[in-house]
Amino acid sequence: MDKLFGPVIVLWFATLSVFGILQIVQQPAILAALNPLYAIEFLWAQDALVFIVVGAVVLAFTGAEALYADYDFGCFIGRVMFLQNH
C-alpha cells in the first residue's frame, strides 16, 4: 500500500492540474478569485459570523494536514510496534 501512495497522489494532482488549466483557458476571469480583496470584503461584511467562517477555514486546513501527517506517521508507528512484538 505504501508504494502505491506516491504514484496515486501524483496522478491525482496531475489530473487536477490538467482539468484546472483547461477551465482557466476557457474562463480566464476565474483568476480574479485569487484577489485577496474579495476575501477581505467578505470577512468585513460578516460581523460576528466571521469567527465561525475563519474557524472553519483553519479547521479545514489543519485537518487536511493532520490526515496526511497521520497517514505517514501512522505507518511508521505500525512498523515499530510490529517489530517490537516480534
Protein backbone atom coordinates (compact mmCIF):
# COMPACT_ATOMS: atom_id res chain seq x y z
CA MET A 1 0.00 0.00 0.00
CA ASP A 2 2.83 2.41 0.83
CA LYS A 3 4.39 2.02 -2.60
CA LEU A 4 1.11 2.99 -4.29
CA PHE A 5 0.54 6.14 -2.26
CA GLY A 6 3.09 8.34 -4.08
CA PRO A 7 2.10 7.44 -7.65
CA VAL A 8 -1.62 7.72 -6.84
CA ILE A 9 -1.10 11.19 -5.32
CA VAL A 10 0.97 12.29 -8.35
CA LEU A 11 -1.76 11.02 -10.69
CA TRP A 12 -4.43 12.79 -8.60
CA PHE A 13 -2.64 16.15 -8.68
CA ALA A 14 -1.77 15.78 -12.38
CA THR A 15 -5.44 15.16 -13.16
CA LEU A 16 -6.50 18.17 -11.08
CA SER A 17 -3.87 20.30 -12.84
CA VAL A 18 -4.96 19.29 -16.33
CA PHE A 19 -8.65 19.93 -15.67
CA GLY A 20 -7.86 23.13 -13.80
CA ILE A 21 -5.75 24.51 -16.64
CA LEU A 22 -8.47 23.60 -19.15
CA GLN A 23 -11.03 25.53 -17.11
CA ILE A 24 -8.73 28.55 -16.74
CA VAL A 25 -8.19 28.59 -20.52
CA GLN A 26 -11.98 28.52 -21.06
CA GLN A 27 -12.79 31.07 -18.33
CA PRO A 28 -9.71 33.22 -17.55
CA ALA A 29 -11.87 35.55 -15.40
CA ILE A 30 -11.80 32.87 -12.68
CA LEU A 31 -8.29 34.09 -11.80
CA ALA A 32 -9.92 37.17 -10.27
CA ALA A 33 -10.91 34.90 -7.37
CA LEU A 34 -7.26 34.92 -6.28
CA ASN A 35 -7.54 38.61 -5.41
CA PRO A 36 -7.33 38.86 -1.59
CA LEU A 37 -9.56 41.93 -1.60
CA TYR A 38 -12.60 39.67 -2.18
CA ALA A 39 -11.77 37.72 0.97
CA ILE A 40 -11.27 40.90 2.99
CA GLU A 41 -14.59 42.33 1.76
CA PHE A 42 -16.36 39.07 2.61
CA LEU A 43 -14.91 38.91 6.11
CA TRP A 44 -15.63 42.60 6.75
CA ALA A 45 -19.30 42.13 5.80
CA GLN A 46 -19.88 39.16 8.13
CA ASP A 47 -19.76 40.82 11.58
CA ALA A 48 -19.61 38.16 14.32
CA LEU A 49 -20.09 35.33 11.82
CA VAL A 50 -16.52 35.98 10.70
CA PHE A 51 -15.18 33.92 13.64
CA ILE A 52 -17.14 30.87 12.50
CA VAL A 53 -16.03 31.31 8.89
CA VAL A 54 -12.35 31.77 9.74
CA GLY A 55 -12.54 28.92 12.25
CA ALA A 56 -13.97 26.59 9.60
CA VAL A 57 -11.20 27.53 7.16
CA VAL A 58 -8.50 26.95 9.77
CA LEU A 59 -10.03 23.59 10.74
CA ALA A 60 -10.18 22.53 7.08
CA PHE A 61 -6.50 23.34 6.52
CA THR A 62 -5.26 21.78 9.74
CA GLY A 63 -7.49 18.74 9.30
CA ALA A 64 -6.15 18.04 5.83
CA GLU A 65 -2.57 18.43 7.05
CA ALA A 66 -3.25 16.15 10.00
CA LEU A 67 -4.70 13.43 7.77
CA TYR A 68 -1.58 13.47 5.62
CA ALA A 69 0.73 13.51 8.65
CA ASP A 70 -1.20 10.72 10.39
CA TYR A 71 -1.00 8.54 7.31
CA ASP A 72 2.77 8.80 7.07
CA PHE A 73 3.42 8.76 10.82
CA GLY A 74 0.86 6.02 11.44
CA CYS A 75 2.62 3.64 9.07
CA PHE A 76 5.93 4.25 10.84
CA ILE A 77 4.41 3.61 14.28
CA GLY A 78 2.70 0.48 12.99
CA ARG A 79 6.03 -0.92 11.78
CA VAL A 80 7.80 -0.09 15.05
CA MET A 81 5.06 -1.74 17.12
CA PHE A 82 5.13 -4.80 14.84
CA LEU A 83 8.91 -5.13 15.21
CA GLN A 84 8.72 -4.73 19.00
CA ASN A 85 6.19 -7.55 19.30
CA HIS A 86 8.03 -9.99 17.05
